[in-house]
């Protein structure tokens, strides 16, 4: 793979599919105009996230050169200069803003509120996401608990932008579930860091020493349990059952429970939870669970 592609990490773009969640849970996946708006928002987040990856590797370049795995990153390996990385970072951010501005062509604003719904609101969210992650890379990622909360909040920003772009009212349960699920995944990733520190005697991150297995295991259990309860509350809430005109959504909770258990198994038994994206792309049981949940949900709300 080209060093430039390795630097922008296109495999991580899978995280930005969260912008489609408002459409999915809103039952509007077949609305072409809203789907295009969500796709543009998805692309804008992809460019913004890749811009952040460039900045992150620039900030961590010296530490990466001492790391047995991260030393192969393009900047640390000397395949891309710092000047090139900064230029690419700026270009990707500009592409992100240009992409999200295309939403105005779909809403065609005539009032300040229409402009807000036609690209301005989403642009503000992405700009805030970009600035927050700059602060995260520069300083905030060194603070335990704060780091995982910022990561989880980044996914909340994705669904907020997706909801705004598609003019979809978000349920408070969706917002809570997004934050809790990504917080669960982030703690599982920190567990991998703690294990690596125990095996090598060297902390992969500056804040890893503020985590240990007891704390991380308890955090995973708490966030996983609350995520499941939150999802069940969503499926049986009066506004959701009235919106979808069905009382059977609770059946999909089975897949959520099994999915959480499978991921805990990967984290605790297999000790391979360091990269949630790789787990989703490579673990066949996880893929089947997600597919089963997706099909069950679609059948219940669309048929």
C-alpha atoms as a PDB file:
ATOM      1  CA  UNK A   1       0.000   0.000   0.000  1.00  0.00           C
ATOM      2  CA  UNK A   2       1.231   3.510  -0.823  1.00  0.00           C
ATOM      3  CA  UNK A   3       2.716   5.426   2.140  1.00  0.00           C
ATOM      4  CA  UNK A   4       0.111   8.155   1.588  1.00  0.00           C
ATOM      5  CA  UNK A   5      -2.737   5.676   1.906  1.00  0.00           C
ATOM      6  CA  UNK A   6      -1.139   4.138   4.970  1.00  0.00           C
ATOM      7  CA  UNK A   7      -0.914   7.597   6.502  1.00  0.00           C
ATOM      8  CA  UNK A   8      -4.585   8.485   5.983  1.00  0.00           C
ATOM      9  CA  UNK A   9      -5.722   4.973   7.098  1.00  0.00           C
ATOM     10  CA  UNK A  10      -8.740   4.368   4.837  1.00  0.00           C
ATOM     11  CA  UNK A  11      -9.554   1.162   6.735  1.00  0.00           C
ATOM     12  CA  UNK A  12     -10.516   3.336   9.692  1.00  0.00           C
ATOM     13  CA  UNK A  13     -13.213   5.026   7.620  1.00  0.00           C
ATOM     14  CA  UNK A  14     -15.554   2.235   8.639  1.00  0.00           C
ATOM     15  CA  UNK A  15     -16.055   4.188  11.883  1.00  0.00           C
ATOM     16  CA  UNK A  16     -17.752   6.964   9.947  1.00  0.00           C
ATOM     17  CA  UNK A  17     -20.659   4.714   8.969  1.00  0.00           C
ATOM     18  CA  UNK A  18     -22.157   5.932  12.242  1.00  0.00           C
ATOM     19  CA  UNK A  19     -23.473   8.926  10.280  1.00  0.00           C
ATOM     20  CA  UNK A  20     -25.961   6.535   8.638  1.00  0.00           C
ATOM     21  CA  UNK A  21     -27.429   5.405  11.967  1.00  0.00           C
ATOM     22  CA  UNK A  22     -30.049   8.205  12.111  1.00  0.00           C
ATOM     23  CA  UNK A  23     -31.337   7.094   8.714  1.00  0.00           C
ATOM     24  CA  UNK A  24     -31.346   3.449   9.755  1.00  0.00           C
ATOM     25  CA  UNK A  25     -33.094   3.928  13.066  1.00  0.00           C
ATOM     26  CA  UNK A  26     -35.371   6.543  11.543  1.00  0.00           C
ATOM     27  CA  UNK A  27     -36.619   4.096   8.929  1.00  0.00           C
ATOM     28  CA  UNK A  28     -35.575   6.351   6.027  1.00  0.00           C
ATOM     29  CA  UNK A  29     -32.928   4.250   4.280  1.00  0.00           C
ATOM     30  CA  UNK A  30     -34.968   4.236   1.077  1.00  0.00           C
ATOM     31  CA  UNK A  31     -35.128   8.032   0.869  1.00  0.00           C
ATOM     32  CA  UNK A  32     -32.655   8.851  -1.924  1.00  0.00           C
ATOM     33  CA  UNK A  33     -32.131  12.523  -1.080  1.00  0.00           C
ATOM     34  CA  UNK A  34     -31.472  11.786   2.584  1.00  0.00           C
ATOM     35  CA  UNK A  35     -29.176   8.926   1.649  1.00  0.00           C
ATOM     36  CA  UNK A  36     -27.093  11.239  -0.547  1.00  0.00           C
ATOM     37  CA  UNK A  37     -26.934  13.799   2.284  1.00  0.00           C
ATOM     38  CA  UNK A  38     -25.737  11.095   4.676  1.00  0.00           C
ATOM     39  CA  UNK A  39     -23.143   9.915   2.144  1.00  0.00           C
ATOM     40  CA  UNK A  40     -21.721  13.416   1.751  1.00  0.00           C
ATOM     41  CA  UNK A  41     -21.504  13.714   5.535  1.00  0.00           C
ATOM     42  CA  UNK A  42     -19.768  10.335   5.640  1.00  0.00           C
ATOM     43  CA  UNK A  43     -17.164  11.482   3.096  1.00  0.00           C
ATOM     44  CA  UNK A  44     -16.609  14.742   4.973  1.00  0.00           C
ATOM     45  CA  UNK A  45     -15.920  12.831   8.197  1.00  0.00           C
ATOM     46  CA  UNK A  46     -13.559  10.475   6.338  1.00  0.00           C
ATOM     47  CA  UNK A  47     -11.468  13.394   5.089  1.00  0.00           C
ATOM     48  CA  UNK A  48     -11.518  15.088   8.519  1.00  0.00           C
ATOM     49  CA  UNK A  49     -10.518  11.869  10.311  1.00  0.00           C
ATOM     50  CA  UNK A  50      -7.644  11.248   7.882  1.00  0.00           C
ATOM     51  CA  UNK A  51      -6.456  14.808   8.451  1.00  0.00           C
ATOM     52  CA  UNK A  52      -6.344  14.027  12.173  1.00  0.00           C
ATOM     53  CA  UNK A  53      -4.379  10.813  11.531  1.00  0.00           C
ATOM     54  CA  UNK A  54      -1.736  12.896   9.746  1.00  0.00           C
ATOM     55  CA  UNK A  55      -1.488  15.241  12.721  1.00  0.00           C
ATOM     56  CA  UNK A  56      -1.396  12.364  15.197  1.00  0.00           C
ATOM     57  CA  UNK A  57       1.560  10.735  13.423  1.00  0.00           C
ATOM     58  CA  UNK A  58       3.345  14.083  13.288  1.00  0.00           C
ATOM     59  CA  UNK A  59       2.926  14.578  17.033  1.00  0.00           C
ATOM     60  CA  UNK A  60       3.974  10.995  17.865  1.00  0.00           C
ATOM     61  CA  UNK A  61       6.765  10.630  15.312  1.00  0.00           C
ATOM     62  CA  UNK A  62       9.620  10.352  17.823  1.00  0.00           C
ATOM     63  CA  UNK A  63       7.745   7.903  20.064  1.00  0.00           C
ATOM     64  CA  UNK A  64       6.694   5.884  17.006  1.00  0.00           C
ATOM     65  CA  UNK A  65      10.319   5.488  15.933  1.00  0.00           C
ATOM     66  CA  UNK A  66      11.052   3.746  19.238  1.00  0.00           C
ATOM     67  CA  UNK A  67       7.987   1.493  18.965  1.00  0.00           C
ATOM     68  CA  UNK A  68       8.469  -2.015  17.460  1.00  0.00           C
ATOM     69  CA  UNK A  69       5.307  -1.766  15.328  1.00  0.00           C
ATOM     70  CA  UNK A  70       4.545   1.933  14.935  1.00  0.00           C
ATOM     71  CA  UNK A  71       8.080   2.563  13.655  1.00  0.00           C
ATOM     72  CA  UNK A  72       6.760   1.352  10.293  1.00  0.00           C
ATOM     73  CA  UNK A  73       4.321   4.260  10.025  1.00  0.00           C
ATOM     74  CA  UNK A  74       5.160   6.406   6.951  1.00  0.00           C
ATOM     75  CA  UNK A  75       6.390   9.507   8.812  1.00  0.00           C
ATOM     76  CA  UNK A  76       8.333   7.564  11.455  1.00  0.00           C
ATOM     77  CA  UNK A  77       9.903   5.406   8.737  1.00  0.00           C
ATOM     78  CA  UNK A  78      10.945   8.467   6.744  1.00  0.00           C
ATOM     79  CA  UNK A  79       8.746   7.586   3.759  1.00  0.00           C
ATOM     80  CA  UNK A  80       6.849  10.868   4.058  1.00  0.00           C
ATOM     81  CA  UNK A  81       8.369  14.143   5.230  1.00  0.00           C
ATOM     82  CA  UNK A  82       6.784  16.307   7.911  1.00  0.00           C
ATOM     83  CA  UNK A  83       6.177  19.041   5.351  1.00  0.00           C
ATOM     84  CA  UNK A  84       4.312  16.620   3.100  1.00  0.00           C
ATOM     85  CA  UNK A  85       2.277  15.364   6.049  1.00  0.00           C
ATOM     86  CA  UNK A  86       1.257  18.889   7.067  1.00  0.00           C
ATOM     87  CA  UNK A  87       0.290  19.681   3.467  1.00  0.00           C
ATOM     88  CA  UNK A  88      -1.789  16.513   3.223  1.00  0.00           C
ATOM     89  CA  UNK A  89      -3.401  17.285   6.575  1.00  0.00           C
ATOM     90  CA  UNK A  90      -4.471  20.744   5.356  1.00  0.00           C
ATOM     91  CA  UNK A  91      -5.679  19.402   1.997  1.00  0.00           C
ATOM     92  CA  UNK A  92      -7.845  16.745   3.640  1.00  0.00           C
ATOM     93  CA  UNK A  93      -9.418  19.287   5.976  1.00  0.00           C
ATOM     94  CA  UNK A  94     -10.260  21.573   3.040  1.00  0.00           C
ATOM     95  CA  UNK A  95     -11.765  18.600   1.168  1.00  0.00           C
ATOM     96  CA  UNK A  96     -13.857  17.815   4.238  1.00  0.00           C
ATOM     97  CA  UNK A  97     -15.282  21.339   4.378  1.00  0.00           C
ATOM     98  CA  UNK A  98     -15.903  21.429   0.624  1.00  0.00           C
ATOM     99  CA  UNK A  99     -17.677  18.072   0.720  1.00  0.00           C
ATOM    100  CA  UNK A 100     -20.010  19.027   3.556  1.00  0.00           C
ATOM    101  CA  UNK A 101     -20.788  22.336   1.829  1.00  0.00           C
ATOM    102  CA  UNK A 102     -22.306  20.365  -1.064  1.00  0.00           C
ATOM    103  CA  UNK A 103     -25.283  19.672   1.207  1.00  0.00           C
ATOM    104  CA  UNK A 104     -26.492  23.183   0.458  1.00  0.00           C
ATOM    105  CA  UNK A 105     -27.285  22.046  -3.080  1.00  0.00           C
ATOM    106  CA  UNK A 106     -29.694  19.450  -1.727  1.00  0.00           C
ATOM    107  CA  UNK A 107     -31.537  21.738   0.697  1.00  0.00           C
ATOM    108  CA  UNK A 108     -31.132  24.980  -1.320  1.00  0.00           C
ATOM    109  CA  UNK A 109     -31.234  27.373   1.657  1.00  0.00           C
ATOM    110  CA  UNK A 110     -33.489  30.392   1.604  1.00  0.00           C
ATOM    111  CA  UNK A 111     -33.441  31.174   5.327  1.00  0.00           C
ATOM    112  CA  UNK A 112     -30.766  31.071   8.066  1.00  0.00           C
ATOM    113  CA  UNK A 113     -32.396  27.919   9.472  1.00  0.00           C
ATOM    114  CA  UNK A 114     -32.409  26.293   6.053  1.00  0.00           C
ATOM    115  CA  UNK A 115     -28.721  27.097   5.633  1.00  0.00           C
ATOM    116  CA  UNK A 116     -28.048  25.502   9.020  1.00  0.00           C
ATOM    117  CA  UNK A 117     -29.795  22.373   7.814  1.00  0.00           C
ATOM    118  CA  UNK A 118     -28.180  22.650   4.404  1.00  0.00           C
ATOM    119  CA  UNK A 119     -24.571  22.199   5.377  1.00  0.00           C
ATOM    120  CA  UNK A 120     -23.754  24.906   7.912  1.00  0.00           C
ATOM    121  CA  UNK A 121     -24.699  22.860  10.976  1.00  0.00           C
ATOM    122  CA  UNK A 122     -22.864  19.780   9.779  1.00  0.00           C
ATOM    123  CA  UNK A 123     -19.801  21.873   8.929  1.00  0.00           C
ATOM    124  CA  UNK A 124     -19.808  23.323  12.446  1.00  0.00           C
ATOM    125  CA  UNK A 125     -19.991  19.822  13.950  1.00  0.00           C
ATOM    126  CA  UNK A 126     -17.142  18.534  11.782  1.00  0.00           C
ATOM    127  CA  UNK A 127     -15.043  21.601  12.561  1.00  0.00           C
ATOM    128  CA  UNK A 128     -15.621  21.027  16.277  1.00  0.00           C
ATOM    129  CA  UNK A 129     -14.748  17.336  15.819  1.00  0.00           C
ATOM    130  CA  UNK A 130     -11.534  18.308  14.022  1.00  0.00           C
ATOM    131  CA  UNK A 131     -10.468  20.856  16.659  1.00  0.00           C
ATOM    132  CA  UNK A 132     -11.340  18.501  19.524  1.00  0.00           C
ATOM    133  CA  UNK A 133      -9.212  15.770  18.004  1.00  0.00           C
ATOM    134  CA  UNK A 134      -6.320  18.138  17.433  1.00  0.00           C
ATOM    135  CA  UNK A 135      -6.442  18.848  21.167  1.00  0.00           C
ATOM    136  CA  UNK A 136      -6.750  15.109  21.809  1.00  0.00           C
ATOM    137  CA  UNK A 137      -3.623  14.296  19.779  1.00  0.00           C
ATOM    138  CA  UNK A 138      -1.621  17.159  21.255  1.00  0.00           C
ATOM    139  CA  UNK A 139      -2.510  16.757  24.936  1.00  0.00           C
ATOM    140  CA  UNK A 140      -5.812  15.202  26.001  1.00  0.00           C
ATOM    141  CA  UNK A 141      -4.972  11.625  25.017  1.00  0.00           C
ATOM    142  CA  UNK A 142      -2.420  11.564  27.838  1.00  0.00           C
ATOM    143  CA  UNK A 143      -5.182  11.796  30.456  1.00  0.00           C
ATOM    144  CA  UNK A 144      -6.807   8.513  31.472  1.00  0.00           C
ATOM    145  CA  UNK A 145     -10.622   8.306  31.189  1.00  0.00           C
ATOM    146  CA  UNK A 146     -10.675  11.680  29.430  1.00  0.00           C
ATOM    147  CA  UNK A 147      -9.117   9.992  26.401  1.00  0.00           C
ATOM    148  CA  UNK A 148     -11.781   7.302  26.013  1.00  0.00           C
ATOM    149  CA  UNK A 149     -14.601   9.784  26.675  1.00  0.00           C
ATOM    150  CA  UNK A 150     -13.366  12.024  23.851  1.00  0.00           C
ATOM    151  CA  UNK A 151     -13.199   9.056  21.484  1.00  0.00           C
ATOM    152  CA  UNK A 152     -16.768   8.072  22.385  1.00  0.00           C
ATOM    153  CA  UNK A 153     -17.975  11.662  22.054  1.00  0.00           C
ATOM    154  CA  UNK A 154     -16.489  11.753  18.552  1.00  0.00           C
ATOM    155  CA  UNK A 155     -18.961   9.049  17.515  1.00  0.00           C
ATOM    156  CA  UNK A 156     -21.814  11.011  19.070  1.00  0.00           C
ATOM    157  CA  UNK A 157     -20.787  13.935  16.880  1.00  0.00           C
ATOM    158  CA  UNK A 158     -20.978  11.637  13.857  1.00  0.00           C
ATOM    159  CA  UNK A 159     -24.588  10.671  14.501  1.00  0.00           C
ATOM    160  CA  UNK A 160     -25.530  14.262  15.361  1.00  0.00           C
ATOM    161  CA  UNK A 161     -24.157  15.380  11.999  1.00  0.00           C
ATOM    162  CA  UNK A 162     -25.926  12.491  10.278  1.00  0.00           C
ATOM    163  CA  UNK A 163     -29.207  13.391  11.945  1.00  0.00           C
ATOM    164  CA  UNK A 164     -28.852  17.049  11.005  1.00  0.00           C
ATOM    165  CA  UNK A 165     -27.888  16.279   7.407  1.00  0.00           C
ATOM    166  CA  UNK A 166     -30.879  13.977   6.899  1.00  0.00           C
ATOM    167  CA  UNK A 167     -33.313  16.069   8.953  1.00  0.00           C
ATOM    168  CA  UNK A 168     -33.853  13.093  11.264  1.00  0.00           C
ATOM    169  CA  UNK A 169     -34.863  13.595  14.882  1.00  0.00           C
ATOM    170  CA  UNK A 170     -32.564  11.491  17.068  1.00  0.00           C
ATOM    171  CA  UNK A 171     -33.895   9.499  19.976  1.00  0.00           C
ATOM    172  CA  UNK A 172     -32.074  10.140  23.242  1.00  0.00           C
ATOM    173  CA  UNK A 173     -31.574   6.384  23.431  1.00  0.00           C
ATOM    174  CA  UNK A 174     -29.591   6.375  20.173  1.00  0.00           C
ATOM    175  CA  UNK A 175     -27.288   9.104  21.448  1.00  0.00           C
ATOM    176  CA  UNK A 176     -26.743   7.286  24.745  1.00  0.00           C
ATOM    177  CA  UNK A 177     -26.170   3.924  23.063  1.00  0.00           C
ATOM    178  CA  UNK A 178     -23.628   5.392  20.680  1.00  0.00           C
ATOM    179  CA  UNK A 179     -21.646   6.943  23.507  1.00  0.00           C
ATOM    180  CA  UNK A 180     -21.829   3.835  25.712  1.00  0.00           C
ATOM    181  CA  UNK A 181     -20.990   1.326  22.961  1.00  0.00           C
ATOM    182  CA  UNK A 182     -17.949   3.247  21.755  1.00  0.00           C
ATOM    183  CA  UNK A 183     -16.862   3.814  25.356  1.00  0.00           C
ATOM    184  CA  UNK A 184     -17.086   0.033  25.833  1.00  0.00           C
ATOM    185  CA  UNK A 185     -14.920  -0.547  22.744  1.00  0.00           C
ATOM    186  CA  UNK A 186     -12.423   2.098  23.866  1.00  0.00           C
ATOM    187  CA  UNK A 187     -11.958   0.484  27.274  1.00  0.00           C
ATOM    188  CA  UNK A 188     -11.464  -2.879  25.560  1.00  0.00           C
ATOM    189  CA  UNK A 189      -8.742  -1.263  23.457  1.00  0.00           C
ATOM    190  CA  UNK A 190      -7.089   0.144  26.597  1.00  0.00           C
ATOM    191  CA  UNK A 191      -7.105  -3.388  28.025  1.00  0.00           C
ATOM    192  CA  UNK A 192      -4.886  -4.434  25.145  1.00  0.00           C
ATOM    193  CA  UNK A 193      -2.506  -1.582  26.016  1.00  0.00           C
ATOM    194  CA  UNK A 194      -2.338  -2.723  29.648  1.00  0.00           C
ATOM    195  CA  UNK A 195      -1.516  -6.278  28.584  1.00  0.00           C
ATOM    196  CA  UNK A 196       1.219  -5.034  26.277  1.00  0.00           C
ATOM    197  CA  UNK A 197       2.680  -2.970  29.110  1.00  0.00           C
ATOM    198  CA  UNK A 198       2.697  -6.025  31.374  1.00  0.00           C
ATOM    199  CA  UNK A 199       4.416  -8.161  28.738  1.00  0.00           C
ATOM    200  CA  UNK A 200       7.026  -5.656  27.591  1.00  0.00           C
ATOM    201  CA  UNK A 201       7.437  -3.484  30.691  1.00  0.00           C
ATOM    202  CA  UNK A 202       6.945  -0.390  28.509  1.00  0.00           C
ATOM    203  CA  UNK A 203       3.731   1.650  28.317  1.00  0.00           C
ATOM    204  CA  UNK A 204       2.340   1.981  24.750  1.00  0.00           C
ATOM    205  CA  UNK A 205       0.736   5.282  25.789  1.00  0.00           C
ATOM    206  CA  UNK A 206       1.658   7.849  28.384  1.00  0.00           C
ATOM    207  CA  UNK A 207      -1.561   7.275  30.294  1.00  0.00           C
ATOM    208  CA  UNK A 208      -1.444   3.458  30.253  1.00  0.00           C
ATOM    209  CA  UNK A 209       0.051   3.444  33.750  1.00  0.00           C
ATOM    210  CA  UNK A 210      -3.218   4.997  34.979  1.00  0.00           C
ATOM    211  CA  UNK A 211      -5.072   1.859  33.856  1.00  0.00           C
ATOM    212  CA  UNK A 212      -4.798  -1.701  35.143  1.00  0.00           C
ATOM    213  CA  UNK A 213      -6.614  -4.944  34.391  1.00  0.00           C
ATOM    214  CA  UNK A 214      -8.917  -4.741  37.406  1.00  0.00           C
ATOM    215  CA  UNK A 215     -10.099  -1.247  36.539  1.00  0.00           C
ATOM    216  CA  UNK A 216     -10.418  -1.903  32.803  1.00  0.00           C
ATOM    217  CA  UNK A 217     -12.279  -5.192  33.314  1.00  0.00           C
ATOM    218  CA  UNK A 218     -14.765  -3.472  35.603  1.00  0.00           C
ATOM    219  CA  UNK A 219     -15.149  -0.573  33.167  1.00  0.00           C
ATOM    220  CA  UNK A 220     -15.833  -3.000  30.312  1.00  0.00           C
ATOM    221  CA  UNK A 221     -18.429  -4.851  32.397  1.00  0.00           C
ATOM    222  CA  UNK A 222     -20.191  -1.651  33.472  1.00  0.00           C
ATOM    223  CA  UNK A 223     -20.303  -0.012  30.039  1.00  0.00           C
ATOM    224  CA  UNK A 224     -21.306  -3.268  28.315  1.00  0.00           C
ATOM    225  CA  UNK A 225     -24.142  -3.867  30.792  1.00  0.00           C
ATOM    226  CA  UNK A 226     -25.476  -0.322  30.596  1.00  0.00           C
ATOM    227  CA  UNK A 227     -25.281  -0.442  26.783  1.00  0.00           C
ATOM    228  CA  UNK A 228     -27.458  -3.563  26.732  1.00  0.00           C
ATOM    229  CA  UNK A 229     -29.990  -2.078  29.153  1.00  0.00           C
ATOM    230  CA  UNK A 230     -30.081   1.144  27.141  1.00  0.00           C
ATOM    231  CA  UNK A 231     -30.738  -0.779  23.922  1.00  0.00           C
ATOM    232  CA  UNK A 232     -33.566  -2.759  25.501  1.00  0.00           C
ATOM    233  CA  UNK A 233     -35.087   0.466  26.832  1.00  0.00           C
ATOM    234  CA  UNK A 234     -34.893   1.877  23.311  1.00  0.00           C
ATOM    235  CA  UNK A 235     -36.699  -1.093  21.739  1.00  0.00           C
ATOM    236  CA  UNK A 236     -39.601  -0.960  24.224  1.00  0.00           C
ATOM    237  CA  UNK A 237     -39.895   2.833  24.558  1.00  0.00           C
ATOM    238  CA  UNK A 238     -43.378   4.135  23.615  1.00  0.00           C
ATOM    239  CA  UNK A 239     -42.098   6.634  21.035  1.00  0.00           C
ATOM    240  CA  UNK A 240     -40.104   3.933  19.205  1.00  0.00           C
ATOM    241  CA  UNK A 241     -42.882   1.361  19.147  1.00  0.00           C
ATOM    242  CA  UNK A 242     -45.283   4.066  17.942  1.00  0.00           C
ATOM    243  CA  UNK A 243     -42.868   5.266  15.236  1.00  0.00           C
ATOM    244  CA  UNK A 244     -42.212   1.798  13.804  1.00  0.00           C
ATOM    245  CA  UNK A 245     -45.695   0.488  14.628  1.00  0.00           C
ATOM    246  CA  UNK A 246     -44.308  -2.706  16.126  1.00  0.00           C
ATOM    247  CA  UNK A 247     -43.681  -4.157  19.572  1.00  0.00           C
ATOM    248  CA  UNK A 248     -41.202  -6.761  18.362  1.00  0.00           C
ATOM    249  CA  UNK A 249     -37.974  -4.753  18.225  1.00  0.00           C
ATOM    250  CA  UNK A 250     -36.990  -6.148  21.622  1.00  0.00           C
ATOM    251  CA  UNK A 251     -36.200  -9.439  19.863  1.00  0.00           C
ATOM    252  CA  UNK A 252     -33.110  -7.844  18.323  1.00  0.00           C
ATOM    253  CA  UNK A 253     -31.665  -7.458  21.832  1.00  0.00           C
ATOM    254  CA  UNK A 254     -30.520 -11.071  21.568  1.00  0.00           C
ATOM    255  CA  UNK A 255     -27.988 -10.119  18.908  1.00  0.00           C
ATOM    256  CA  UNK A 256     -26.769  -7.152  20.957  1.00  0.00           C
ATOM    257  CA  UNK A 257     -26.221  -9.361  24.005  1.00  0.00           C
ATOM    258  CA  UNK A 258     -24.372 -12.032  22.011  1.00  0.00           C
ATOM    259  CA  UNK A 259     -22.317  -9.368  20.239  1.00  0.00           C
ATOM    260  CA  UNK A 260     -21.195  -7.798  23.503  1.00  0.00           C
ATOM    261  CA  UNK A 261     -20.320 -11.217  24.935  1.00  0.00           C
ATOM    262  CA  UNK A 262     -18.351 -12.098  21.810  1.00  0.00           C
ATOM    263  CA  UNK A 263     -16.336  -8.897  22.040  1.00  0.00           C
ATOM    264  CA  UNK A 264     -15.642  -9.459  25.730  1.00  0.00           C
ATOM    265  CA  UNK A 265     -14.442 -12.943  24.793  1.00  0.00           C
ATOM    266  CA  UNK A 266     -12.085 -11.442  22.201  1.00  0.00           C
ATOM    267  CA  UNK A 267     -10.796  -8.939  24.770  1.00  0.00           C
ATOM    268  CA  UNK A 268     -10.476 -11.189  27.816  1.00  0.00           C
ATOM    269  CA  UNK A 269      -9.903 -14.689  26.421  1.00  0.00           C
ATOM    270  CA  UNK A 270      -8.190 -14.030  23.095  1.00  0.00           C
ATOM    271  CA  UNK A 271      -6.579 -10.755  24.249  1.00  0.00           C
ATOM    272  CA  UNK A 272      -6.968  -9.247  20.775  1.00  0.00           C
ATOM    273  CA  UNK A 273      -9.103  -6.163  21.302  1.00  0.00           C
ATOM    274  CA  UNK A 274      -6.413  -3.642  20.389  1.00  0.00           C
ATOM    275  CA  UNK A 275      -8.096  -2.566  17.155  1.00  0.00           C
ATOM    276  CA  UNK A 276     -11.926  -2.687  17.004  1.00  0.00           C
ATOM    277  CA  UNK A 277     -11.843  -2.011  13.262  1.00  0.00           C
ATOM    278  CA  UNK A 278      -9.712  -5.119  12.629  1.00  0.00           C
ATOM    279  CA  UNK A 279     -12.029  -7.177  14.822  1.00  0.00           C
ATOM    280  CA  UNK A 280     -15.047  -6.130  12.768  1.00  0.00           C
ATOM    281  CA  UNK A 281     -13.265  -6.711   9.458  1.00  0.00           C
ATOM    282  CA  UNK A 282     -11.671 -10.064  10.355  1.00  0.00           C
ATOM    283  CA  UNK A 283     -13.721 -11.836  13.036  1.00  0.00           C
ATOM    284  CA  UNK A 284     -16.340 -13.967  11.301  1.00  0.00           C
ATOM    285  CA  UNK A 285     -18.588 -14.565  14.375  1.00  0.00           C
ATOM    286  CA  UNK A 286     -18.755 -10.806  14.988  1.00  0.00           C
ATOM    287  CA  UNK A 287     -19.640 -10.201  11.345  1.00  0.00           C
ATOM    288  CA  UNK A 288     -22.405 -12.813  11.474  1.00  0.00           C
ATOM    289  CA  UNK A 289     -23.818 -11.330  14.679  1.00  0.00           C
ATOM    290  CA  UNK A 290     -23.876  -7.822  13.197  1.00  0.00           C
ATOM    291  CA  UNK A 291     -25.438  -9.144   9.978  1.00  0.00           C
ATOM    292  CA  UNK A 292     -28.052 -11.073  11.967  1.00  0.00           C
ATOM    293  CA  UNK A 293     -28.950  -7.987  13.985  1.00  0.00           C
ATOM    294  CA  UNK A 294     -29.106  -5.842  10.858  1.00  0.00           C
ATOM    295  CA  UNK A 295     -31.371  -8.259   8.974  1.00  0.00           C
ATOM    296  CA  UNK A 296     -33.634  -8.801  11.984  1.00  0.00           C
ATOM    297  CA  UNK A 297     -34.003  -5.057  12.528  1.00  0.00           C
ATOM    298  CA  UNK A 298     -34.690  -4.418   8.835  1.00  0.00           C
ATOM    299  CA  UNK A 299     -37.267  -7.190   8.613  1.00  0.00           C
ATOM    300  CA  UNK A 300     -39.106  -5.925  11.674  1.00  0.00           C
ATOM    301  CA  UNK A 301     -39.252  -2.226  10.703  1.00  0.00           C
ATOM    302  CA  UNK A 302     -39.494  -2.418   6.909  1.00  0.00           C
ATOM    303  CA  UNK A 303     -41.680  -5.494   6.341  1.00  0.00           C
END
